[in-house]
Amino acid sequence: MLAPLATVLYKWDAVTAFSPIAPPLGRFALGVAILAGCAHVARPAATEGRSLHGRDVSLRYEGTCEHLACCSTYAVDVPQATPGAFVCNGHSNVSCSKNVGWFAPAFTCNPLVLGRYRQPDDPPYLMCNDQERWLSIPNLTHHQCGQRYLVCHQGKRVTATARDRSASNDSGIRHFEGSLGLLHAIGADPAQRETLVSIYALHERDRIAADPQCVGE
């Protein structure tokens, strides 16, 4: 679960406001400011209180490769009939950017280069496959690009690669999102609004072994 606000503030405070290298007066003033600010922090909504790593993670469907090419404002336009690209003719859905022409999906990460974001001069990624298992992660960092995570759902365990950074929804909340191949692999229905899963780094063996989503009831 997400750490309580007081815990987060304490941890942040412990490494900044009460750092031995900070002047005593600065430490006191900053501590008072933090405590004063607590009274004005709104309690998170129910959906915001869910874990964003570990158990009870809300996994959403990110869409097909064609959807990401034709409906994402980040998609890359490519020359006509480029192998691996998608021809886009607009879309009736108002949430779609209505790309027209030939486009390729543009993920936050370059799937061909581990550990960094896609750069403006990188060639377009022309090997997107709906059967691939990838994750779109809130606040994805560049070093997470290409890392594998274990996704568990009702006793099924599959690995997925971090490839994209999820955008916020209309409420400003970011969710984990998965590819069509990932949802099919765990037995989830892409038509459902969300699927509750567990997501772990591969080294978290003790947490994985204690999670019914990963080992079954």
N, C-alpha and C. Protein backbone atom coordinates (compact mmCIF):
# COMPACT_ATOMS: atom_id res chain seq x y z
N MET A 1 0.84 -1.20 0.00
CA MET A 1 0.00 0.00 0.00
C MET A 1 0.87 1.25 0.00
N LEU A 2 0.32 2.36 -0.44
CA LEU A 2 1.07 3.61 -0.37
C LEU A 2 1.34 3.98 1.07
N ALA A 3 2.50 4.52 1.35
CA ALA A 3 2.83 4.91 2.70
C ALA A 3 1.92 6.04 3.15
N PRO A 4 1.46 6.04 4.45
CA PRO A 4 0.65 7.15 4.95
C PRO A 4 1.38 8.46 4.77
N LEU A 5 0.63 9.54 4.63
CA LEU A 5 1.22 10.85 4.39
C LEU A 5 2.21 11.21 5.48
N ALA A 6 1.85 10.92 6.74
CA ALA A 6 2.74 11.28 7.84
C ALA A 6 4.08 10.56 7.70
N THR A 7 4.02 9.28 7.24
CA THR A 7 5.26 8.53 7.08
C THR A 7 6.11 9.13 5.98
N VAL A 8 5.46 9.49 4.86
CA VAL A 8 6.19 10.10 3.75
C VAL A 8 6.85 11.38 4.20
N LEU A 9 6.11 12.23 4.90
CA LEU A 9 6.66 13.49 5.36
C LEU A 9 7.81 13.27 6.33
N TYR A 10 7.65 12.27 7.20
CA TYR A 10 8.72 12.00 8.16
C TYR A 10 9.99 11.58 7.43
N LYS A 11 9.82 10.66 6.44
CA LYS A 11 11.01 10.20 5.73
C LYS A 11 11.67 11.34 4.98
N TRP A 12 10.88 12.16 4.32
CA TRP A 12 11.45 13.30 3.59
C TRP A 12 12.11 14.27 4.55
N ASP A 13 11.42 14.50 5.70
CA ASP A 13 11.92 15.43 6.69
C ASP A 13 13.25 14.94 7.26
N ALA A 14 13.34 13.61 7.43
CA ALA A 14 14.52 13.07 8.07
C ALA A 14 15.76 13.24 7.22
N VAL A 15 15.60 13.31 5.91
CA VAL A 15 16.77 13.43 5.06
C VAL A 15 17.00 14.84 4.57
N THR A 16 16.12 15.77 4.93
CA THR A 16 16.31 17.15 4.49
C THR A 16 16.30 18.10 5.67
N ALA A 17 15.12 18.28 6.28
CA ALA A 17 15.00 19.28 7.34
C ALA A 17 15.92 18.97 8.51
N PHE A 18 16.14 17.69 8.81
CA PHE A 18 16.95 17.34 9.96
C PHE A 18 18.30 16.76 9.55
N SER A 19 18.71 17.09 8.34
CA SER A 19 20.03 16.66 7.90
C SER A 19 21.10 17.37 8.72
N PRO A 20 22.18 16.67 9.08
CA PRO A 20 23.24 17.31 9.88
C PRO A 20 23.94 18.44 9.15
N ILE A 21 23.76 18.51 7.80
CA ILE A 21 24.44 19.59 7.08
C ILE A 21 23.56 20.83 6.95
N ALA A 22 22.30 20.77 7.39
CA ALA A 22 21.42 21.93 7.31
C ALA A 22 21.59 22.80 8.53
N PRO A 23 21.55 24.13 8.37
CA PRO A 23 21.67 25.03 9.53
C PRO A 23 20.54 24.78 10.51
N PRO A 24 20.79 24.89 11.85
CA PRO A 24 19.75 24.62 12.85
C PRO A 24 18.49 25.44 12.63
N LEU A 25 18.62 26.74 12.34
CA LEU A 25 17.43 27.56 12.15
C LEU A 25 16.65 27.11 10.94
N GLY A 26 17.38 26.74 9.87
CA GLY A 26 16.71 26.27 8.67
C GLY A 26 15.96 24.98 8.93
N ARG A 27 16.59 24.10 9.72
CA ARG A 27 15.92 22.84 10.02
C ARG A 27 14.64 23.09 10.79
N PHE A 28 14.66 24.01 11.77
CA PHE A 28 13.48 24.30 12.56
C PHE A 28 12.39 24.92 11.70
N ALA A 29 12.76 25.90 10.87
CA ALA A 29 11.76 26.58 10.04
C ALA A 29 11.12 25.63 9.05
N LEU A 30 11.95 24.76 8.45
CA LEU A 30 11.40 23.83 7.48
C LEU A 30 10.50 22.81 8.15
N GLY A 31 10.87 22.38 9.36
CA GLY A 31 10.03 21.44 10.09
C GLY A 31 8.68 22.04 10.42
N VAL A 32 8.67 23.32 10.84
CA VAL A 32 7.41 24.00 11.14
C VAL A 32 6.56 24.12 9.90
N ALA A 33 7.19 24.41 8.76
CA ALA A 33 6.45 24.56 7.51
C ALA A 33 5.80 23.25 7.11
N ILE A 34 6.52 22.14 7.30
CA ILE A 34 5.96 20.84 6.95
C ILE A 34 4.75 20.53 7.82
N LEU A 35 4.88 20.76 9.16
CA LEU A 35 3.78 20.47 10.06
C LEU A 35 2.58 21.36 9.77
N ALA A 36 2.83 22.61 9.43
CA ALA A 36 1.73 23.51 9.12
C ALA A 36 1.03 23.09 7.84
N GLY A 37 1.81 22.59 6.87
CA GLY A 37 1.21 22.19 5.61
C GLY A 37 0.35 20.96 5.74
N CYS A 38 0.60 20.11 6.74
CA CYS A 38 -0.17 18.89 6.90
C CYS A 38 -1.64 19.18 7.09
N ALA A 39 -1.95 20.29 7.75
CA ALA A 39 -3.36 20.60 8.05
C ALA A 39 -4.14 20.92 6.79
N HIS A 40 -3.43 21.24 5.68
CA HIS A 40 -4.12 21.65 4.47
C HIS A 40 -4.07 20.60 3.38
N VAL A 41 -3.49 19.41 3.67
CA VAL A 41 -3.39 18.37 2.66
C VAL A 41 -4.67 17.56 2.65
N ALA A 42 -5.30 17.46 1.48
CA ALA A 42 -6.55 16.71 1.38
C ALA A 42 -6.27 15.22 1.47
N ARG A 43 -7.21 14.48 2.05
CA ARG A 43 -7.08 13.04 2.12
C ARG A 43 -7.25 12.47 0.71
N PRO A 44 -6.47 11.44 0.34
CA PRO A 44 -6.58 10.89 -1.01
C PRO A 44 -7.91 10.21 -1.23
N ALA A 45 -8.36 10.24 -2.47
CA ALA A 45 -9.58 9.52 -2.81
C ALA A 45 -9.32 8.03 -2.71
N ALA A 46 -10.39 7.24 -2.72
CA ALA A 46 -10.26 5.80 -2.53
C ALA A 46 -9.35 5.18 -3.59
N THR A 47 -9.50 5.59 -4.83
CA THR A 47 -8.68 5.01 -5.89
C THR A 47 -7.23 5.42 -5.76
N GLU A 48 -6.96 6.59 -5.17
CA GLU A 48 -5.58 7.04 -5.01
C GLU A 48 -4.89 6.28 -3.89
N GLY A 49 -5.67 5.70 -2.96
CA GLY A 49 -5.07 5.03 -1.82
C GLY A 49 -4.58 3.64 -2.14
N ARG A 50 -4.89 3.12 -3.34
CA ARG A 50 -4.45 1.80 -3.69
C ARG A 50 -2.95 1.78 -3.95
N SER A 51 -2.38 0.60 -3.73
CA SER A 51 -0.95 0.45 -3.96
C SER A 51 -0.62 0.67 -5.43
N LEU A 52 0.48 1.36 -5.68
CA LEU A 52 0.96 1.51 -7.03
C LEU A 52 2.15 0.59 -7.28
N HIS A 53 2.43 -0.28 -6.34
CA HIS A 53 3.49 -1.27 -6.51
C HIS A 53 3.32 -2.30 -5.40
N GLY A 54 3.12 -3.55 -5.75
CA GLY A 54 2.84 -4.58 -4.76
C GLY A 54 1.46 -5.14 -5.01
N ARG A 55 0.67 -5.25 -3.96
CA ARG A 55 -0.66 -5.84 -4.08
C ARG A 55 -1.72 -4.81 -4.48
N ASP A 56 -2.80 -5.33 -5.04
CA ASP A 56 -3.99 -4.52 -5.37
C ASP A 56 -3.64 -3.33 -6.26
N VAL A 57 -2.87 -3.59 -7.28
CA VAL A 57 -2.54 -2.56 -8.26
C VAL A 57 -3.63 -2.55 -9.34
N SER A 58 -4.12 -1.37 -9.64
CA SER A 58 -5.13 -1.23 -10.70
C SER A 58 -4.42 -1.21 -12.05
N LEU A 59 -4.62 -2.27 -12.83
CA LEU A 59 -4.00 -2.37 -14.15
C LEU A 59 -5.04 -2.06 -15.21
N ARG A 60 -4.74 -1.08 -16.05
CA ARG A 60 -5.63 -0.69 -17.14
C ARG A 60 -5.04 -1.18 -18.47
N TYR A 61 -5.87 -1.19 -19.48
CA TYR A 61 -5.46 -1.61 -20.82
C TYR A 61 -4.95 -0.39 -21.59
N GLU A 62 -3.72 -0.46 -22.11
CA GLU A 62 -3.16 0.69 -22.81
C GLU A 62 -3.64 0.79 -24.25
N GLY A 63 -3.93 -0.32 -24.88
CA GLY A 63 -4.38 -0.29 -26.26
C GLY A 63 -3.47 -1.08 -27.17
N THR A 64 -3.93 -1.31 -28.39
CA THR A 64 -3.15 -2.04 -29.37
C THR A 64 -2.04 -1.16 -29.94
N CYS A 65 -1.13 -1.78 -30.66
CA CYS A 65 -0.07 -1.02 -31.34
C CYS A 65 -0.69 -0.02 -32.32
N GLU A 66 -1.71 -0.46 -33.04
CA GLU A 66 -2.37 0.43 -33.99
C GLU A 66 -3.01 1.61 -33.29
N HIS A 67 -3.64 1.36 -32.14
CA HIS A 67 -4.25 2.45 -31.39
C HIS A 67 -3.19 3.47 -30.96
N LEU A 68 -2.06 2.98 -30.47
CA LEU A 68 -1.01 3.89 -30.02
C LEU A 68 -0.40 4.67 -31.17
N ALA A 69 -0.41 4.08 -32.37
CA ALA A 69 0.12 4.77 -33.54
C ALA A 69 -0.87 5.81 -34.06
N CYS A 70 -2.15 5.46 -34.07
CA CYS A 70 -3.14 6.32 -34.72
C CYS A 70 -3.83 7.30 -33.77
N CYS A 71 -3.78 7.03 -32.46
CA CYS A 71 -4.54 7.85 -31.53
C CYS A 71 -3.69 8.56 -30.49
N SER A 72 -2.38 8.39 -30.54
CA SER A 72 -1.52 9.05 -29.56
C SER A 72 -0.89 10.29 -30.17
N THR A 73 -0.90 11.36 -29.41
CA THR A 73 -0.25 12.59 -29.89
C THR A 73 1.27 12.44 -29.95
N TYR A 74 1.80 11.39 -29.29
CA TYR A 74 3.24 11.17 -29.30
C TYR A 74 3.69 10.27 -30.45
N ALA A 75 2.74 9.74 -31.23
CA ALA A 75 3.10 8.86 -32.33
C ALA A 75 4.01 9.58 -33.33
N VAL A 76 4.84 8.79 -34.01
CA VAL A 76 5.81 9.33 -34.95
C VAL A 76 5.32 9.10 -36.38
N ASP A 77 5.26 10.17 -37.17
CA ASP A 77 4.87 10.00 -38.56
C ASP A 77 6.07 9.50 -39.36
N VAL A 78 5.81 8.58 -40.27
CA VAL A 78 6.86 7.93 -41.05
C VAL A 78 6.48 7.96 -42.52
N PRO A 79 7.44 7.70 -43.40
CA PRO A 79 7.11 7.68 -44.83
C PRO A 79 6.04 6.65 -45.16
N GLN A 80 5.34 6.89 -46.23
CA GLN A 80 4.26 6.02 -46.66
C GLN A 80 4.74 4.59 -46.88
N ALA A 81 3.89 3.65 -46.44
CA ALA A 81 4.14 2.21 -46.61
C ALA A 81 5.40 1.72 -45.90
N THR A 82 5.80 2.39 -44.82
CA THR A 82 6.95 1.93 -44.04
C THR A 82 6.60 0.61 -43.36
N PRO A 83 7.38 -0.45 -43.58
CA PRO A 83 7.09 -1.73 -42.92
C PRO A 83 7.07 -1.59 -41.40
N GLY A 84 6.05 -2.14 -40.78
CA GLY A 84 5.92 -2.06 -39.33
C GLY A 84 5.15 -0.87 -38.83
N ALA A 85 4.83 0.09 -39.72
CA ALA A 85 4.03 1.25 -39.35
C ALA A 85 2.56 0.97 -39.64
N PHE A 86 1.72 1.91 -39.25
CA PHE A 86 0.27 1.75 -39.41
C PHE A 86 -0.29 2.91 -40.21
N VAL A 87 -1.20 2.58 -41.12
CA VAL A 87 -1.86 3.63 -41.88
C VAL A 87 -3.07 4.08 -41.08
N CYS A 88 -3.17 5.37 -40.83
CA CYS A 88 -4.22 5.93 -39.97
C CYS A 88 -5.10 6.85 -40.80
N ASN A 89 -6.39 6.64 -40.69
CA ASN A 89 -7.34 7.41 -41.49
C ASN A 89 -8.23 8.29 -40.63
N GLY A 90 -7.79 8.64 -39.44
CA GLY A 90 -8.64 9.40 -38.54
C GLY A 90 -9.50 8.44 -37.73
N HIS A 91 -10.21 8.97 -36.77
CA HIS A 91 -11.01 8.13 -35.87
C HIS A 91 -12.19 8.93 -35.39
N SER A 92 -13.33 8.27 -35.23
CA SER A 92 -14.54 8.97 -34.80
C SER A 92 -14.55 9.26 -33.31
N ASN A 93 -13.67 8.57 -32.56
CA ASN A 93 -13.63 8.77 -31.11
C ASN A 93 -12.98 10.12 -30.80
N VAL A 94 -13.67 10.97 -30.03
CA VAL A 94 -13.14 12.32 -29.77
C VAL A 94 -11.88 12.28 -28.93
N SER A 95 -11.63 11.17 -28.23
CA SER A 95 -10.42 11.07 -27.42
C SER A 95 -9.20 10.73 -28.27
N CYS A 96 -9.44 10.41 -29.54
CA CYS A 96 -8.35 10.06 -30.44
C CYS A 96 -7.82 11.33 -31.10
N SER A 97 -6.50 11.37 -31.30
CA SER A 97 -5.90 12.56 -31.90
C SER A 97 -6.14 12.62 -33.41
N LYS A 98 -6.72 11.55 -33.96
CA LYS A 98 -7.07 11.52 -35.39
C LYS A 98 -5.85 11.71 -36.29
N ASN A 99 -4.80 10.97 -36.00
CA ASN A 99 -3.64 10.99 -36.89
C ASN A 99 -4.05 10.49 -38.27
N VAL A 100 -3.59 11.14 -39.30
CA VAL A 100 -3.90 10.75 -40.67
C VAL A 100 -2.59 10.58 -41.42
N GLY A 101 -2.38 9.40 -41.98
CA GLY A 101 -1.15 9.10 -42.69
C GLY A 101 -0.54 7.83 -42.12
N TRP A 102 0.78 7.72 -42.20
CA TRP A 102 1.49 6.55 -41.68
C TRP A 102 2.22 6.92 -40.40
N PHE A 103 1.96 6.13 -39.34
CA PHE A 103 2.52 6.44 -38.02
C PHE A 103 3.02 5.16 -37.35
N ALA A 104 3.96 5.35 -36.43
CA ALA A 104 4.47 4.27 -35.58
C ALA A 104 4.30 4.69 -34.12
N PRO A 105 4.04 3.74 -33.21
CA PRO A 105 3.94 4.09 -31.80
C PRO A 105 5.24 4.70 -31.29
N ALA A 106 5.12 5.63 -30.38
CA ALA A 106 6.31 6.25 -29.77
C ALA A 106 6.23 6.03 -28.26
N PHE A 107 6.91 5.01 -27.79
CA PHE A 107 6.94 4.73 -26.36
C PHE A 107 7.91 5.67 -25.66
N THR A 108 7.71 5.85 -24.36
CA THR A 108 8.64 6.68 -23.59
C THR A 108 10.06 6.11 -23.67
N CYS A 109 10.17 4.80 -23.64
CA CYS A 109 11.47 4.14 -23.75
C CYS A 109 11.71 3.73 -25.20
N ASN A 110 12.96 3.63 -25.55
CA ASN A 110 13.32 3.00 -26.81
C ASN A 110 13.48 1.51 -26.52
N PRO A 111 12.56 0.66 -27.02
CA PRO A 111 12.65 -0.77 -26.69
C PRO A 111 13.94 -1.44 -27.12
N LEU A 112 14.70 -0.80 -28.01
CA LEU A 112 15.94 -1.38 -28.50
C LEU A 112 17.15 -0.98 -27.66
N VAL A 113 16.96 -0.03 -26.73
CA VAL A 113 18.07 0.45 -25.90
C VAL A 113 17.61 0.44 -24.44
N LEU A 114 18.27 -0.33 -23.60
CA LEU A 114 17.87 -0.44 -22.21
C LEU A 114 18.35 0.77 -21.40
N GLY A 115 17.54 1.13 -20.40
CA GLY A 115 17.99 2.10 -19.41
C GLY A 115 17.95 3.55 -19.81
N ARG A 116 17.20 3.91 -20.85
CA ARG A 116 17.08 5.33 -21.17
C ARG A 116 15.80 5.60 -21.95
N TYR A 117 15.37 6.86 -21.88
CA TYR A 117 14.21 7.28 -22.64
C TYR A 117 14.53 7.31 -24.14
N ARG A 118 13.47 7.28 -24.92
CA ARG A 118 13.62 7.48 -26.36
C ARG A 118 14.09 8.91 -26.61
N GLN A 119 15.05 9.06 -27.49
CA GLN A 119 15.61 10.37 -27.82
C GLN A 119 15.02 10.87 -29.14
N PRO A 120 14.97 12.20 -29.34
CA PRO A 120 14.37 12.74 -30.56
C PRO A 120 14.98 12.22 -31.85
N ASP A 121 16.27 11.88 -31.82
CA ASP A 121 16.91 11.42 -33.05
C ASP A 121 16.90 9.90 -33.18
N ASP A 122 16.24 9.20 -32.26
CA ASP A 122 16.12 7.75 -32.38
C ASP A 122 15.22 7.41 -33.57
N PRO A 123 15.53 6.36 -34.30
CA PRO A 123 14.63 5.95 -35.38
C PRO A 123 13.32 5.45 -34.80
N PRO A 124 12.24 5.50 -35.56
CA PRO A 124 10.94 5.02 -35.06
C PRO A 124 11.00 3.53 -34.76
N TYR A 125 10.23 3.11 -33.78
CA TYR A 125 10.16 1.69 -33.41
C TYR A 125 9.12 1.03 -34.31
N LEU A 126 9.57 0.10 -35.15
CA LEU A 126 8.71 -0.48 -36.18
C LEU A 126 8.47 -1.97 -35.95
N MET A 127 8.63 -2.41 -34.70
CA MET A 127 8.43 -3.82 -34.40
C MET A 127 7.39 -4.04 -33.32
N CYS A 128 6.48 -3.10 -33.13
CA CYS A 128 5.45 -3.24 -32.10
C CYS A 128 4.57 -4.45 -32.43
N ASN A 129 4.35 -5.27 -31.42
CA ASN A 129 3.57 -6.50 -31.58
C ASN A 129 2.59 -6.59 -30.43
N ASP A 130 1.31 -6.77 -30.73
CA ASP A 130 0.29 -6.80 -29.68
C ASP A 130 0.46 -7.98 -28.73
N GLN A 131 1.22 -8.98 -29.14
CA GLN A 131 1.42 -10.13 -28.26
C GLN A 131 2.58 -9.92 -27.28
N GLU A 132 3.31 -8.82 -27.44
CA GLU A 132 4.37 -8.51 -26.47
C GLU A 132 3.74 -8.16 -25.13
N ARG A 133 4.48 -8.42 -24.07
CA ARG A 133 4.00 -8.10 -22.73
C ARG A 133 4.79 -6.90 -22.20
N TRP A 134 4.16 -5.74 -22.23
CA TRP A 134 4.84 -4.55 -21.71
C TRP A 134 3.95 -3.82 -20.71
N LEU A 135 4.59 -2.99 -19.90
CA LEU A 135 3.92 -2.18 -18.89
C LEU A 135 4.13 -0.70 -19.17
N SER A 136 3.11 0.07 -18.91
CA SER A 136 3.20 1.52 -18.86
C SER A 136 3.10 1.90 -17.40
N ILE A 137 4.14 2.57 -16.89
CA ILE A 137 4.29 2.77 -15.44
C ILE A 137 4.16 4.25 -15.09
N PRO A 138 3.40 4.57 -14.04
CA PRO A 138 3.34 5.98 -13.59
C PRO A 138 4.73 6.47 -13.20
N ASN A 139 5.05 7.69 -13.60
CA ASN A 139 6.33 8.32 -13.23
C ASN A 139 7.53 7.45 -13.56
N LEU A 140 7.47 6.80 -14.70
CA LEU A 140 8.57 5.95 -15.14
C LEU A 140 9.88 6.74 -15.18
N THR A 141 10.94 6.17 -14.63
CA THR A 141 12.26 6.78 -14.70
C THR A 141 13.05 6.12 -15.83
N HIS A 142 14.05 6.82 -16.31
CA HIS A 142 14.78 6.30 -17.47
C HIS A 142 15.46 4.97 -17.16
N HIS A 143 15.93 4.79 -15.91
CA HIS A 143 16.63 3.55 -15.61
C HIS A 143 15.68 2.35 -15.52
N GLN A 144 14.37 2.61 -15.44
CA GLN A 144 13.40 1.51 -15.44
C GLN A 144 13.13 0.99 -16.84
N CYS A 145 13.52 1.73 -17.86
CA CYS A 145 13.26 1.30 -19.24
C CYS A 145 13.92 -0.05 -19.51
N GLY A 146 13.11 -1.00 -19.91
CA GLY A 146 13.62 -2.33 -20.21
C GLY A 146 13.66 -3.28 -19.03
N GLN A 147 13.40 -2.78 -17.81
CA GLN A 147 13.38 -3.66 -16.65
C GLN A 147 12.16 -4.57 -16.71
N ARG A 148 12.33 -5.79 -16.21
CA ARG A 148 11.23 -6.75 -16.18
C ARG A 148 10.60 -6.78 -14.79
N TYR A 149 9.29 -6.90 -14.77
CA TYR A 149 8.53 -6.99 -13.53
C TYR A 149 7.65 -8.23 -13.58
N LEU A 150 7.34 -8.76 -12.41
CA LEU A 150 6.43 -9.90 -12.32
C LEU A 150 5.02 -9.37 -12.09
N VAL A 151 4.10 -9.80 -12.92
CA VAL A 151 2.68 -9.42 -12.80
C VAL A 151 1.89 -10.67 -12.44
N CYS A 152 1.16 -10.61 -11.33
CA CYS A 152 0.41 -11.77 -10.84
C CYS A 152 -1.09 -11.47 -10.83
N HIS A 153 -1.87 -12.48 -11.24
CA HIS A 153 -3.32 -12.34 -11.21
C HIS A 153 -3.95 -13.71 -11.06
N GLN A 154 -4.60 -13.91 -9.91
CA GLN A 154 -5.31 -15.16 -9.62
C GLN A 154 -4.44 -16.39 -9.84
N GLY A 155 -3.23 -16.32 -9.33
CA GLY A 155 -2.31 -17.45 -9.39
C GLY A 155 -1.47 -17.52 -10.65
N LYS A 156 -1.75 -16.68 -11.64
CA LYS A 156 -0.94 -16.66 -12.85
C LYS A 156 0.18 -15.65 -12.68
N ARG A 157 1.37 -16.04 -13.10
CA ARG A 157 2.55 -15.18 -12.97
C ARG A 157 3.22 -15.05 -14.33
N VAL A 158 3.36 -13.81 -14.78
CA VAL A 158 4.06 -13.57 -16.04
C VAL A 158 4.97 -12.37 -15.86
N THR A 159 6.00 -12.29 -16.68
CA THR A 159 6.88 -11.14 -16.64
C THR A 159 6.49 -10.17 -17.75
N ALA A 160 6.71 -8.89 -17.49
CA ALA A 160 6.43 -7.84 -18.46
C ALA A 160 7.54 -6.80 -18.38
N THR A 161 7.78 -6.15 -19.49
CA THR A 161 8.87 -5.18 -19.60
C THR A 161 8.35 -3.76 -19.49
N ALA A 162 9.03 -2.94 -18.72
CA ALA A 162 8.68 -1.52 -18.61
C ALA A 162 9.05 -0.82 -19.91
N ARG A 163 8.05 -0.20 -20.55
CA ARG A 163 8.30 0.40 -21.86
C ARG A 163 7.75 1.82 -21.99
N ASP A 164 6.74 2.16 -21.20
CA ASP A 164 6.06 3.42 -21.43
C ASP A 164 5.75 4.08 -20.09
N ARG A 165 5.48 5.39 -20.12
CA ARG A 165 5.06 6.11 -18.92
C ARG A 165 3.59 6.48 -19.11
N SER A 166 2.78 6.06 -18.15
CA SER A 166 1.33 6.26 -18.29
C SER A 166 0.97 7.73 -18.10
N ALA A 167 -0.02 8.15 -18.86
CA ALA A 167 -0.54 9.51 -18.74
C ALA A 167 -1.64 9.55 -17.70
N SER A 168 -1.90 10.72 -17.14
CA SER A 168 -2.95 10.85 -16.14
C SER A 168 -4.31 10.84 -16.81
N ASN A 169 -5.32 10.34 -16.07
CA ASN A 169 -6.67 10.35 -16.60
C ASN A 169 -7.34 11.69 -16.30
N ASP A 170 -8.65 11.76 -16.53
CA ASP A 170 -9.37 13.02 -16.34
C ASP A 170 -9.32 13.51 -14.89
N SER A 171 -9.10 12.58 -13.95
CA SER A 171 -9.02 12.95 -12.53
C SER A 171 -7.60 13.26 -12.09
N GLY A 172 -6.66 13.20 -13.02
CA GLY A 172 -5.28 13.49 -12.68
C GLY A 172 -4.54 12.32 -12.06
N ILE A 173 -5.13 11.11 -12.12
CA ILE A 173 -4.53 9.93 -11.51
C ILE A 173 -3.84 9.11 -12.60
N ARG A 174 -2.65 8.62 -12.29
CA ARG A 174 -1.93 7.76 -13.22
C ARG A 174 -2.04 6.31 -12.76
N HIS A 175 -2.24 5.41 -13.69
CA HIS A 175 -2.38 3.99 -13.38
C HIS A 175 -1.33 3.19 -14.14
N PHE A 176 -1.05 1.99 -13.63
CA PHE A 176 -0.31 1.04 -14.44
C PHE A 176 -1.19 0.64 -15.61
N GLU A 177 -0.58 0.49 -16.78
CA GLU A 177 -1.30 0.04 -17.96
C GLU A 177 -0.53 -1.10 -18.59
N GLY A 178 -1.26 -2.00 -19.24
CA GLY A 178 -0.62 -3.16 -19.83
C GLY A 178 -1.00 -3.34 -21.28
N SER A 179 -0.15 -4.06 -22.01
CA SER A 179 -0.41 -4.35 -23.41
C SER A 179 -1.47 -5.44 -23.52
N LEU A 180 -1.96 -5.61 -24.74
CA LEU A 180 -2.95 -6.66 -24.99
C LEU A 180 -2.36 -8.02 -24.66
N GLY A 181 -1.10 -8.24 -25.05
CA GLY A 181 -0.45 -9.51 -24.76
C GLY A 181 -0.33 -9.79 -23.28
N LEU A 182 -0.06 -8.76 -22.48
CA LEU A 182 0.05 -8.94 -21.04
C LEU A 182 -1.30 -9.30 -20.44
N LEU A 183 -2.35 -8.57 -20.81
CA LEU A 183 -3.67 -8.86 -20.25
C LEU A 183 -4.13 -10.26 -20.63
N HIS A 184 -3.89 -10.67 -21.86
CA HIS A 184 -4.26 -12.02 -22.26
C HIS A 184 -3.47 -13.06 -21.48
N ALA A 185 -2.20 -12.79 -21.21
CA ALA A 185 -1.34 -13.75 -20.53
C ALA A 185 -1.80 -14.01 -19.10
N ILE A 186 -2.36 -12.99 -18.45
CA ILE A 186 -2.82 -13.18 -17.06
C ILE A 186 -4.30 -13.53 -17.00
N GLY A 187 -4.93 -13.68 -18.15
CA GLY A 187 -6.34 -14.06 -18.18
C GLY A 187 -7.29 -12.91 -17.91
N ALA A 188 -6.86 -11.68 -18.15
CA ALA A 188 -7.70 -10.50 -17.91
C ALA A 188 -8.45 -10.12 -19.19
N ASP A 189 -9.57 -9.46 -19.00
CA ASP A 189 -10.40 -9.02 -20.11
C ASP A 189 -10.08 -7.56 -20.41
N PRO A 190 -9.53 -7.24 -21.59
CA PRO A 190 -9.22 -5.84 -21.91
C PRO A 190 -10.43 -4.93 -21.88
N ALA A 191 -11.63 -5.50 -22.02
CA ALA A 191 -12.84 -4.68 -22.03
C ALA A 191 -13.20 -4.18 -20.63
N GLN A 192 -12.64 -4.81 -19.61
CA GLN A 192 -12.92 -4.38 -18.24
C GLN A 192 -12.18 -3.08 -17.93
N ARG A 193 -12.78 -2.25 -17.08
CA ARG A 193 -12.17 -0.96 -16.75
C ARG A 193 -10.82 -1.13 -16.07
N GLU A 194 -10.71 -2.13 -15.21
CA GLU A 194 -9.45 -2.37 -14.53
C GLU A 194 -9.38 -3.82 -14.10
N THR A 195 -8.17 -4.28 -13.86
CA THR A 195 -7.93 -5.60 -13.30
C THR A 195 -6.99 -5.42 -12.13
N LEU A 196 -7.36 -5.95 -10.98
CA LEU A 196 -6.50 -5.83 -9.81
C LEU A 196 -5.44 -6.92 -9.85
N VAL A 197 -4.20 -6.50 -9.84
CA VAL A 197 -3.07 -7.43 -9.96
C VAL A 197 -2.05 -7.10 -8.88
N SER A 198 -1.02 -7.89 -8.81
CA SER A 198 0.16 -7.57 -8.00
C SER A 198 1.34 -7.41 -8.95
N ILE A 199 2.17 -6.42 -8.68
CA ILE A 199 3.34 -6.16 -9.52
C ILE A 199 4.57 -6.03 -8.63
N TYR A 200 5.59 -6.81 -8.94
CA TYR A 200 6.80 -6.81 -8.13
C TYR A 200 8.03 -6.76 -9.02
N ALA A 201 9.09 -6.17 -8.48
CA ALA A 201 10.41 -6.34 -9.08
C ALA A 201 10.81 -7.80 -8.88
N LEU A 202 11.59 -8.34 -9.80
CA LEU A 202 11.89 -9.78 -9.76
C LEU A 202 12.66 -10.21 -8.51
N HIS A 203 13.37 -9.27 -7.88
CA HIS A 203 14.17 -9.65 -6.72
C HIS A 203 13.34 -9.74 -5.43
N GLU A 204 12.06 -9.32 -5.48
CA GLU A 204 11.24 -9.30 -4.27
C GLU A 204 10.63 -10.68 -4.00
N ARG A 205 11.48 -11.66 -3.82
CA ARG A 205 11.03 -13.05 -3.72
C ARG A 205 10.15 -13.31 -2.51
N ASP A 206 10.47 -12.72 -1.37
CA ASP A 206 9.69 -12.97 -0.16
C ASP A 206 8.27 -12.42 -0.30
N ARG A 207 8.14 -11.23 -0.85
CA ARG A 207 6.81 -10.65 -1.05
C ARG A 207 6.02 -11.45 -2.07
N ILE A 208 6.68 -11.90 -3.11
CA ILE A 208 6.01 -12.70 -4.13
C ILE A 208 5.49 -14.01 -3.53
N ALA A 209 6.34 -14.66 -2.72
CA ALA A 209 5.97 -15.95 -2.14
C ALA A 209 4.81 -15.83 -1.16
N ALA A 210 4.60 -14.64 -0.58
CA ALA A 210 3.54 -14.45 0.40
C ALA A 210 2.26 -13.89 -0.21
N ASP A 211 2.24 -13.68 -1.51
CA ASP A 211 1.10 -13.04 -2.17
C ASP A 211 0.22 -14.09 -2.83
N PRO A 212 -1.04 -14.23 -2.39
CA PRO A 212 -1.95 -15.21 -3.00
C PRO A 212 -2.16 -14.99 -4.50
N GLN A 213 -2.06 -13.74 -4.95
CA GLN A 213 -2.21 -13.48 -6.38
C GLN A 213 -1.11 -14.17 -7.18
N CYS A 214 0.05 -14.36 -6.53
CA CYS A 214 1.18 -14.97 -7.23
C CYS A 214 1.26 -16.48 -7.05
N VAL A 215 0.83 -16.98 -5.89
CA VAL A 215 1.00 -18.41 -5.61
C VAL A 215 -0.32 -19.15 -5.52
N GLY A 216 -1.43 -18.43 -5.62
CA GLY A 216 -2.74 -19.06 -5.49
C GLY A 216 -3.16 -19.17 -4.03
N GLU A 217 -4.44 -19.43 -3.83
CA GLU A 217 -4.96 -19.53 -2.46
C GLU A 217 -4.49 -20.82 -1.80
